[in-house]
N, C-alpha and C. Protein backbone atom coordinates (compact mmCIF):
# COMPACT_ATOMS: atom_id res chain seq x y z
N MET A 1 192.57 72.33 15.77
CA MET A 1 192.16 72.61 17.14
C MET A 1 190.75 73.18 17.10
N GLU A 2 189.84 72.53 17.80
CA GLU A 2 188.48 73.03 17.90
C GLU A 2 188.37 73.91 19.15
N VAL A 3 187.82 75.10 19.00
CA VAL A 3 187.64 76.03 20.11
C VAL A 3 186.16 76.03 20.47
N ILE A 4 185.87 75.76 21.74
CA ILE A 4 184.49 75.64 22.22
C ILE A 4 184.25 76.73 23.26
N ALA A 5 183.19 77.49 23.08
CA ALA A 5 182.85 78.57 24.01
C ALA A 5 182.45 78.00 25.37
N THR A 6 182.73 78.78 26.41
CA THR A 6 182.30 78.45 27.77
C THR A 6 181.34 79.55 28.24
N GLN A 7 181.00 79.54 29.53
CA GLN A 7 180.12 80.57 30.08
C GLN A 7 180.80 81.93 30.14
N HIS A 8 182.11 81.98 29.91
CA HIS A 8 182.87 83.23 29.94
C HIS A 8 183.62 83.37 28.61
N PRO A 9 183.50 84.51 27.93
CA PRO A 9 184.10 84.63 26.59
C PRO A 9 185.62 84.54 26.57
N ASP A 10 186.30 84.75 27.69
CA ASP A 10 187.76 84.71 27.72
C ASP A 10 188.33 83.35 28.12
N VAL A 11 187.49 82.47 28.64
CA VAL A 11 187.91 81.12 29.02
C VAL A 11 187.49 80.19 27.88
N LEU A 12 188.45 79.46 27.35
CA LEU A 12 188.18 78.62 26.17
C LEU A 12 188.38 77.15 26.48
N LEU A 13 187.49 76.33 25.98
CA LEU A 13 187.66 74.88 26.01
C LEU A 13 188.25 74.51 24.65
N LEU A 14 189.32 73.76 24.66
CA LEU A 14 190.04 73.42 23.44
C LEU A 14 190.05 71.91 23.24
N ARG A 15 189.77 71.50 22.02
CA ARG A 15 189.77 70.08 21.70
C ARG A 15 190.76 69.87 20.56
N PRO A 16 191.92 69.27 20.85
CA PRO A 16 192.91 69.04 19.80
C PRO A 16 192.49 67.89 18.88
N ARG A 17 193.11 67.84 17.71
CA ARG A 17 192.90 66.71 16.82
C ARG A 17 193.63 65.52 17.41
N VAL A 18 192.95 64.40 17.50
CA VAL A 18 193.52 63.18 18.05
C VAL A 18 193.57 62.14 16.94
N PHE A 19 194.74 61.57 16.75
CA PHE A 19 194.94 60.55 15.74
C PHE A 19 195.13 59.23 16.46
N GLY A 20 194.18 58.31 16.29
CA GLY A 20 194.25 57.05 17.01
C GLY A 20 194.10 55.85 16.10
N ASP A 21 194.64 54.76 16.56
CA ASP A 21 194.47 53.47 15.89
C ASP A 21 194.65 52.38 16.95
N ALA A 22 194.80 51.15 16.53
CA ALA A 22 194.90 50.03 17.46
C ALA A 22 196.09 50.15 18.42
N ARG A 23 197.09 50.94 18.04
CA ARG A 23 198.28 51.10 18.89
C ARG A 23 198.09 52.10 20.01
N GLY A 24 197.15 53.02 19.84
CA GLY A 24 196.96 54.08 20.81
C GLY A 24 196.57 55.37 20.12
N PHE A 25 197.11 56.50 20.57
CA PHE A 25 196.76 57.78 19.96
C PHE A 25 197.95 58.73 19.99
N PHE A 26 197.82 59.80 19.22
CA PHE A 26 198.77 60.90 19.20
C PHE A 26 197.97 62.19 19.14
N LEU A 27 198.40 63.19 19.89
CA LEU A 27 197.82 64.52 19.78
C LEU A 27 198.90 65.55 20.04
N GLU A 28 198.72 66.71 19.45
CA GLU A 28 199.63 67.82 19.68
C GLU A 28 199.00 68.67 20.78
N SER A 29 199.60 68.65 21.97
CA SER A 29 199.01 69.37 23.10
C SER A 29 199.35 70.86 23.10
N TYR A 30 200.42 71.24 22.43
CA TYR A 30 200.76 72.65 22.34
C TYR A 30 201.59 72.90 21.10
N ASN A 31 201.22 73.95 20.38
CA ASN A 31 201.98 74.44 19.23
C ASN A 31 201.78 75.95 19.22
N ARG A 32 202.85 76.68 19.39
CA ARG A 32 202.74 78.14 19.54
C ARG A 32 202.00 78.79 18.37
N LYS A 33 202.27 78.36 17.13
CA LYS A 33 201.61 78.94 15.96
C LYS A 33 200.11 78.64 15.98
N THR A 34 199.74 77.42 16.30
CA THR A 34 198.33 77.06 16.36
C THR A 34 197.61 77.88 17.42
N PHE A 35 198.20 78.01 18.59
CA PHE A 35 197.57 78.76 19.67
C PHE A 35 197.49 80.24 19.34
N ALA A 36 198.52 80.81 18.73
CA ALA A 36 198.46 82.22 18.33
C ALA A 36 197.34 82.42 17.32
N GLY A 37 197.13 81.43 16.46
CA GLY A 37 196.07 81.51 15.46
C GLY A 37 194.67 81.54 16.04
N ILE A 38 194.51 81.06 17.27
CA ILE A 38 193.19 81.10 17.92
C ILE A 38 193.14 82.18 19.00
N GLY A 39 194.17 83.06 19.01
CA GLY A 39 194.15 84.21 19.92
C GLY A 39 194.86 84.01 21.23
N ILE A 40 195.58 82.91 21.41
CA ILE A 40 196.34 82.67 22.64
C ILE A 40 197.81 82.80 22.29
N ASP A 41 198.33 84.02 22.42
CA ASP A 41 199.73 84.28 22.11
C ASP A 41 200.49 84.43 23.42
N ALA A 42 200.57 83.34 24.15
CA ALA A 42 201.17 83.35 25.48
C ALA A 42 202.54 82.69 25.46
N GLU A 43 203.39 83.17 26.33
CA GLU A 43 204.69 82.51 26.54
C GLU A 43 204.60 81.74 27.85
N PHE A 44 204.75 80.44 27.76
CA PHE A 44 204.67 79.60 28.96
C PHE A 44 206.05 79.44 29.56
N VAL A 45 206.14 79.55 30.89
CA VAL A 45 207.44 79.50 31.58
C VAL A 45 207.56 78.36 32.57
N GLN A 46 206.45 77.70 32.88
CA GLN A 46 206.48 76.65 33.90
C GLN A 46 205.42 75.61 33.59
N ASP A 47 205.77 74.33 33.76
CA ASP A 47 204.83 73.21 33.65
C ASP A 47 204.66 72.59 35.02
N ASN A 48 203.41 72.26 35.38
CA ASN A 48 203.11 71.63 36.67
C ASN A 48 202.30 70.37 36.44
N HIS A 49 202.42 69.43 37.37
CA HIS A 49 201.72 68.15 37.27
C HIS A 49 201.28 67.80 38.69
N SER A 50 199.98 67.55 38.87
CA SER A 50 199.49 67.13 40.19
C SER A 50 198.68 65.86 40.04
N ARG A 51 198.62 65.11 41.13
CA ARG A 51 197.77 63.92 41.22
C ARG A 51 196.95 64.09 42.48
N SER A 52 195.65 63.87 42.37
CA SER A 52 194.75 64.06 43.50
C SER A 52 193.73 62.94 43.54
N ALA A 53 193.28 62.62 44.75
CA ALA A 53 192.28 61.58 44.96
C ALA A 53 190.87 62.12 44.72
N GLN A 54 189.94 61.21 44.55
CA GLN A 54 188.54 61.57 44.36
C GLN A 54 188.05 62.43 45.52
N GLY A 55 187.31 63.48 45.19
CA GLY A 55 186.76 64.36 46.21
C GLY A 55 187.67 65.50 46.61
N VAL A 56 188.92 65.51 46.13
CA VAL A 56 189.83 66.62 46.42
C VAL A 56 189.40 67.82 45.60
N LEU A 57 189.31 68.96 46.27
CA LEU A 57 189.02 70.23 45.60
C LEU A 57 190.23 71.12 45.81
N ARG A 58 190.86 71.50 44.72
CA ARG A 58 192.02 72.40 44.77
C ARG A 58 191.59 73.75 44.21
N GLY A 59 191.69 74.78 45.05
CA GLY A 59 191.35 76.12 44.57
C GLY A 59 190.26 76.75 45.42
N LEU A 60 189.94 77.86 45.02
CA LEU A 60 190.19 78.60 43.78
C LEU A 60 191.41 79.51 43.99
N HIS A 61 192.49 79.29 43.26
CA HIS A 61 193.76 79.96 43.48
C HIS A 61 194.04 81.00 42.40
N TYR A 62 194.79 82.03 42.81
CA TYR A 62 195.29 83.03 41.87
C TYR A 62 196.47 83.74 42.52
N GLN A 63 197.24 84.46 41.71
CA GLN A 63 198.35 85.27 42.20
C GLN A 63 198.01 86.73 41.92
N ILE A 64 197.96 87.54 42.97
CA ILE A 64 197.59 88.94 42.82
C ILE A 64 198.69 89.74 42.12
N ARG A 65 199.93 89.34 42.27
CA ARG A 65 201.06 89.84 41.49
C ARG A 65 201.59 88.64 40.71
N GLN A 66 202.22 88.90 39.57
CA GLN A 66 202.65 87.82 38.70
C GLN A 66 201.48 86.90 38.35
N PRO A 67 200.36 87.46 37.89
CA PRO A 67 199.20 86.61 37.56
C PRO A 67 199.56 85.61 36.47
N GLN A 68 199.01 84.43 36.59
CA GLN A 68 199.33 83.34 35.67
C GLN A 68 198.16 83.05 34.74
N GLY A 69 198.45 83.02 33.44
CA GLY A 69 197.55 82.38 32.51
C GLY A 69 197.85 80.90 32.58
N LYS A 70 196.84 80.05 32.40
CA LYS A 70 197.05 78.61 32.52
C LYS A 70 196.41 77.87 31.36
N LEU A 71 197.16 76.93 30.81
CA LEU A 71 196.65 75.97 29.85
C LEU A 71 196.61 74.65 30.60
N VAL A 72 195.39 74.15 30.87
CA VAL A 72 195.23 72.99 31.76
C VAL A 72 194.63 71.81 31.01
N ARG A 73 195.02 70.60 31.46
CA ARG A 73 194.43 69.39 30.90
C ARG A 73 194.59 68.24 31.87
N VAL A 74 193.73 67.25 31.70
CA VAL A 74 193.73 66.05 32.53
C VAL A 74 194.32 64.91 31.71
N VAL A 75 195.30 64.20 32.28
CA VAL A 75 195.91 63.07 31.57
C VAL A 75 195.51 61.73 32.18
N ALA A 76 194.83 61.75 33.31
CA ALA A 76 194.25 60.54 33.92
C ALA A 76 193.05 60.98 34.73
N GLY A 77 191.90 60.35 34.48
CA GLY A 77 190.71 60.64 35.27
C GLY A 77 189.84 61.75 34.71
N GLU A 78 189.08 62.38 35.62
CA GLU A 78 188.11 63.41 35.25
C GLU A 78 188.02 64.45 36.37
N VAL A 79 187.93 65.72 35.98
CA VAL A 79 187.76 66.80 36.94
C VAL A 79 186.64 67.73 36.49
N PHE A 80 186.09 68.44 37.46
CA PHE A 80 185.20 69.56 37.23
C PHE A 80 186.06 70.79 37.41
N ASP A 81 186.28 71.53 36.33
CA ASP A 81 187.23 72.64 36.31
C ASP A 81 186.49 73.96 36.38
N VAL A 82 187.05 74.92 37.13
CA VAL A 82 186.39 76.21 37.36
C VAL A 82 187.38 77.36 37.21
N ALA A 83 186.96 78.41 36.52
CA ALA A 83 187.73 79.65 36.42
C ALA A 83 186.78 80.81 36.75
N VAL A 84 187.25 81.74 37.58
CA VAL A 84 186.42 82.88 38.00
C VAL A 84 187.16 84.17 37.64
N ASP A 85 186.49 85.06 36.92
CA ASP A 85 187.06 86.34 36.50
C ASP A 85 187.18 87.26 37.71
N LEU A 86 188.43 87.68 38.02
CA LEU A 86 188.67 88.58 39.15
C LEU A 86 189.19 89.94 38.69
N ARG A 87 188.92 90.28 37.44
CA ARG A 87 189.33 91.58 36.89
C ARG A 87 188.16 92.55 37.07
N ARG A 88 188.29 93.44 38.05
CA ARG A 88 187.18 94.36 38.38
C ARG A 88 186.73 95.17 37.16
N SER A 89 187.64 95.48 36.24
CA SER A 89 187.28 96.26 35.06
C SER A 89 186.55 95.43 34.00
N SER A 90 186.48 94.14 34.17
CA SER A 90 185.81 93.27 33.20
C SER A 90 184.30 93.34 33.36
N PRO A 91 183.56 93.34 32.26
CA PRO A 91 182.10 93.29 32.36
C PRO A 91 181.62 91.93 32.90
N HIS A 92 182.54 90.98 33.00
CA HIS A 92 182.20 89.63 33.49
C HIS A 92 182.81 89.36 34.87
N PHE A 93 183.16 90.43 35.60
CA PHE A 93 183.76 90.28 36.93
C PHE A 93 182.89 89.37 37.81
N GLY A 94 183.53 88.40 38.45
CA GLY A 94 182.83 87.49 39.35
C GLY A 94 182.15 86.32 38.65
N ARG A 95 182.16 86.29 37.32
CA ARG A 95 181.50 85.21 36.58
C ARG A 95 182.43 84.00 36.52
N ALA A 96 181.83 82.84 36.72
CA ALA A 96 182.57 81.58 36.66
C ALA A 96 182.30 80.87 35.34
N ALA A 97 183.32 80.21 34.83
CA ALA A 97 183.19 79.27 33.72
C ALA A 97 183.50 77.90 34.29
N THR A 98 182.64 76.92 34.02
CA THR A 98 182.85 75.57 34.52
C THR A 98 182.83 74.59 33.36
N MET A 99 183.57 73.52 33.51
CA MET A 99 183.61 72.49 32.47
C MET A 99 184.18 71.21 33.05
N ARG A 100 183.84 70.10 32.43
CA ARG A 100 184.44 68.82 32.79
C ARG A 100 185.59 68.56 31.83
N LEU A 101 186.72 68.20 32.38
CA LEU A 101 187.88 67.81 31.58
C LEU A 101 188.17 66.35 31.88
N THR A 102 188.37 65.57 30.82
CA THR A 102 188.63 64.14 31.00
C THR A 102 189.87 63.73 30.21
N ALA A 103 190.54 62.71 30.72
CA ALA A 103 191.68 62.16 29.99
C ALA A 103 191.23 61.57 28.66
N ASP A 104 190.11 60.87 28.66
CA ASP A 104 189.62 60.24 27.43
C ASP A 104 189.19 61.26 26.38
N GLY A 105 188.69 62.41 26.81
CA GLY A 105 188.24 63.43 25.87
C GLY A 105 189.35 64.31 25.35
N HIS A 106 190.49 64.34 26.05
CA HIS A 106 191.68 65.10 25.65
C HIS A 106 191.47 66.61 25.63
N GLU A 107 190.41 67.11 26.26
CA GLU A 107 190.14 68.55 26.26
C GLU A 107 191.20 69.29 27.08
N MET A 108 191.36 70.56 26.73
CA MET A 108 192.21 71.47 27.48
C MET A 108 191.39 72.74 27.72
N ALA A 109 191.81 73.51 28.70
CA ALA A 109 191.16 74.80 28.94
C ALA A 109 192.22 75.88 29.01
N TRP A 110 191.90 77.03 28.41
CA TRP A 110 192.75 78.22 28.52
C TRP A 110 192.09 79.15 29.52
N ILE A 111 192.85 79.47 30.57
CA ILE A 111 192.38 80.38 31.62
C ILE A 111 193.35 81.56 31.64
N PRO A 112 192.90 82.74 31.22
CA PRO A 112 193.80 83.89 31.12
C PRO A 112 194.26 84.41 32.49
N PRO A 113 195.32 85.21 32.51
CA PRO A 113 195.71 85.88 33.76
C PRO A 113 194.53 86.72 34.26
N GLY A 114 194.43 86.85 35.57
CA GLY A 114 193.34 87.63 36.16
C GLY A 114 192.17 86.80 36.61
N PHE A 115 192.30 85.47 36.52
CA PHE A 115 191.25 84.55 36.94
C PHE A 115 191.73 83.70 38.10
N ALA A 116 190.80 83.37 39.00
CA ALA A 116 191.05 82.32 39.99
C ALA A 116 190.72 81.00 39.32
N HIS A 117 191.42 79.94 39.72
CA HIS A 117 191.23 78.64 39.09
C HIS A 117 191.23 77.54 40.14
N GLY A 118 190.42 76.53 39.89
CA GLY A 118 190.40 75.36 40.76
C GLY A 118 189.71 74.20 40.07
N PHE A 119 189.79 73.05 40.73
CA PHE A 119 189.12 71.87 40.17
C PHE A 119 188.76 70.89 41.28
N LEU A 120 187.75 70.08 40.99
CA LEU A 120 187.27 69.01 41.86
C LEU A 120 187.49 67.70 41.13
N VAL A 121 188.10 66.72 41.81
CA VAL A 121 188.36 65.42 41.19
C VAL A 121 187.09 64.56 41.29
N LEU A 122 186.60 64.12 40.13
CA LEU A 122 185.37 63.33 40.06
C LEU A 122 185.64 61.83 39.97
N SER A 123 186.77 61.45 39.41
CA SER A 123 187.12 60.04 39.24
C SER A 123 187.89 59.54 40.48
N GLU A 124 188.25 58.27 40.49
CA GLU A 124 188.99 57.70 41.62
C GLU A 124 190.24 58.52 41.94
N PHE A 125 190.89 59.02 40.93
CA PHE A 125 192.01 59.95 41.06
C PHE A 125 192.10 60.71 39.74
N ALA A 126 192.86 61.77 39.73
CA ALA A 126 193.10 62.51 38.49
C ALA A 126 194.52 63.04 38.49
N GLU A 127 195.11 63.01 37.31
CA GLU A 127 196.40 63.66 37.10
C GLU A 127 196.14 64.86 36.20
N PHE A 128 196.64 66.00 36.64
CA PHE A 128 196.31 67.29 36.06
C PHE A 128 197.61 67.98 35.65
N LEU A 129 197.70 68.41 34.40
CA LEU A 129 198.87 69.13 33.90
C LEU A 129 198.48 70.56 33.59
N TYR A 130 199.37 71.50 33.91
CA TYR A 130 199.10 72.86 33.49
C TYR A 130 200.38 73.63 33.22
N LYS A 131 200.32 74.37 32.12
CA LYS A 131 201.39 75.27 31.72
C LYS A 131 201.00 76.65 32.23
N THR A 132 201.97 77.42 32.72
CA THR A 132 201.67 78.75 33.24
C THR A 132 202.51 79.82 32.54
N THR A 133 201.94 81.01 32.48
CA THR A 133 202.61 82.14 31.81
C THR A 133 203.49 82.94 32.75
N ASP A 134 203.47 82.63 34.03
CA ASP A 134 204.39 83.26 34.98
C ASP A 134 204.73 82.23 36.04
N TYR A 135 205.80 82.52 36.78
CA TYR A 135 206.30 81.58 37.77
C TYR A 135 205.44 81.60 39.03
N TYR A 136 205.44 80.48 39.74
CA TYR A 136 204.74 80.39 41.02
C TYR A 136 205.40 81.35 42.00
N ALA A 137 204.62 82.16 42.66
CA ALA A 137 205.09 83.15 43.64
C ALA A 137 204.23 83.03 44.88
N PRO A 138 204.61 82.16 45.83
CA PRO A 138 203.75 81.91 46.99
C PRO A 138 203.40 83.16 47.80
N GLU A 139 204.28 84.15 47.79
CA GLU A 139 203.98 85.38 48.54
C GLU A 139 202.84 86.18 47.93
N HIS A 140 202.50 85.90 46.67
CA HIS A 140 201.41 86.60 45.99
C HIS A 140 200.17 85.72 45.80
N GLU A 141 200.25 84.47 46.25
CA GLU A 141 199.12 83.56 46.05
C GLU A 141 197.97 83.92 46.99
N ARG A 142 196.77 83.84 46.44
CA ARG A 142 195.55 84.09 47.19
C ARG A 142 194.57 82.97 46.89
N SER A 143 193.58 82.80 47.77
CA SER A 143 192.55 81.78 47.57
C SER A 143 191.17 82.41 47.72
N LEU A 144 190.35 82.17 46.72
CA LEU A 144 188.95 82.59 46.70
C LEU A 144 188.11 81.43 47.22
N GLN A 145 187.17 81.71 48.10
CA GLN A 145 186.34 80.67 48.72
C GLN A 145 185.55 79.92 47.64
N TRP A 146 185.78 78.62 47.58
CA TRP A 146 185.19 77.78 46.53
C TRP A 146 183.67 77.77 46.55
N ASN A 147 183.08 77.89 47.73
CA ASN A 147 181.63 77.78 47.87
C ASN A 147 180.95 79.12 48.20
N ASP A 148 181.59 80.23 47.86
CA ASP A 148 180.99 81.54 48.07
C ASP A 148 179.68 81.61 47.27
N PRO A 149 178.55 81.85 47.93
CA PRO A 149 177.27 81.93 47.21
C PRO A 149 177.25 83.00 46.12
N ALA A 150 178.08 84.04 46.26
CA ALA A 150 178.13 85.10 45.25
C ALA A 150 178.61 84.58 43.89
N LEU A 151 179.33 83.46 43.88
CA LEU A 151 179.86 82.90 42.63
C LEU A 151 178.84 82.03 41.91
N GLY A 152 177.92 81.45 42.66
CA GLY A 152 176.87 80.62 42.05
C GLY A 152 177.39 79.37 41.35
N ILE A 153 178.46 78.78 41.85
CA ILE A 153 179.03 77.58 41.22
C ILE A 153 178.29 76.35 41.73
N ASP A 154 177.80 75.55 40.82
CA ASP A 154 177.09 74.31 41.15
C ASP A 154 178.08 73.14 41.10
N TRP A 155 178.84 72.97 42.18
CA TRP A 155 179.84 71.92 42.25
C TRP A 155 179.14 70.55 42.31
N PRO A 156 179.57 69.58 41.53
CA PRO A 156 178.96 68.24 41.56
C PRO A 156 179.50 67.40 42.72
N LEU A 157 179.08 67.75 43.92
CA LEU A 157 179.58 67.11 45.14
C LEU A 157 178.56 66.15 45.72
N ALA A 158 179.07 65.02 46.21
CA ALA A 158 178.21 64.07 46.92
C ALA A 158 178.26 64.33 48.42
N GLY A 159 179.27 65.03 48.88
CA GLY A 159 179.46 65.35 50.29
C GLY A 159 180.41 66.52 50.38
N GLU A 160 181.15 66.59 51.48
CA GLU A 160 182.13 67.66 51.64
C GLU A 160 183.40 67.32 50.88
N PRO A 161 184.01 68.30 50.20
CA PRO A 161 185.25 68.03 49.49
C PRO A 161 186.44 67.94 50.45
N LEU A 162 187.52 67.34 50.00
CA LEU A 162 188.77 67.32 50.74
C LEU A 162 189.54 68.58 50.37
N LEU A 163 189.81 69.42 51.38
CA LEU A 163 190.43 70.73 51.15
C LEU A 163 191.75 70.84 51.91
N SER A 164 192.67 71.64 51.40
CA SER A 164 193.87 71.99 52.15
C SER A 164 193.49 73.04 53.20
N ALA A 165 194.39 73.25 54.17
CA ALA A 165 194.16 74.28 55.17
C ALA A 165 194.03 75.65 54.51
N LYS A 166 194.84 75.89 53.49
CA LYS A 166 194.80 77.17 52.76
C LYS A 166 193.42 77.37 52.12
N ASP A 167 192.87 76.32 51.54
CA ASP A 167 191.57 76.45 50.88
C ASP A 167 190.43 76.55 51.88
N ARG A 168 190.58 75.96 53.05
CA ARG A 168 189.55 76.11 54.10
C ARG A 168 189.53 77.56 54.61
N ALA A 169 190.67 78.26 54.53
CA ALA A 169 190.77 79.63 55.02
C ALA A 169 190.53 80.67 53.92
N ALA A 170 190.13 80.24 52.74
CA ALA A 170 189.94 81.17 51.61
C ALA A 170 188.87 82.20 51.90
N LEU A 171 188.98 83.34 51.24
CA LEU A 171 188.07 84.46 51.46
C LEU A 171 186.95 84.49 50.42
N PRO A 172 185.78 85.02 50.80
CA PRO A 172 184.72 85.23 49.80
C PRO A 172 185.12 86.35 48.85
N LEU A 173 184.47 86.40 47.70
CA LEU A 173 184.78 87.40 46.68
C LEU A 173 184.77 88.81 47.24
N ALA A 174 183.82 89.13 48.06
CA ALA A 174 183.68 90.51 48.60
C ALA A 174 184.89 90.92 49.44
N ALA A 175 185.65 89.95 49.97
CA ALA A 175 186.80 90.26 50.82
C ALA A 175 188.14 90.02 50.13
N CYS A 176 188.12 89.50 48.92
CA CYS A 176 189.37 89.16 48.20
C CYS A 176 190.02 90.37 47.57
N GLU A 177 191.36 90.32 47.50
CA GLU A 177 192.08 91.24 46.63
C GLU A 177 191.77 90.82 45.20
N VAL A 178 191.50 91.79 44.34
CA VAL A 178 191.19 91.48 42.95
C VAL A 178 192.05 92.36 42.05
N PHE A 179 191.96 92.12 40.75
CA PHE A 179 192.73 92.87 39.77
C PHE A 179 191.97 94.11 39.35
N ALA A 180 192.69 95.12 38.90
CA ALA A 180 192.06 96.38 38.46
C ALA A 180 191.16 96.17 37.27
């Protein structure tokens, strides 16, 4: 497993070993011992799978209680992935890490608890898988405004993204509940 630094020291881009030949490929997407060896000793309790059309922006989401660490990857298409540190005690509070994740590249990202997370679909569609360290708790879910100037995220947009009603109503960082 190759570990690649991002703009935030706690958010990691991971590149697994891929074994391919004329038949296709094989990769190990998760192995608890391997992940513990690179400092990710997480217990995953839920797997999620979404499919989204080009231009869909999902996020930036987080749970103020039952915060979720996420191991994310794209199995079809390409996304622009974003994680924002919402831990007020962190020296990197408010800092975003951005990266492109592609099905062909097989990259994964580790986003620790205490971060807001979202992605923009760049390809015709994308299928996105993520393992979480805690269960989905809609009563604790919050949304950080994706285009808050305080975050300084340079989204690769050609126009306006397709947003859910929840994401259109998201709050800027200055008004969000954050972690201690």
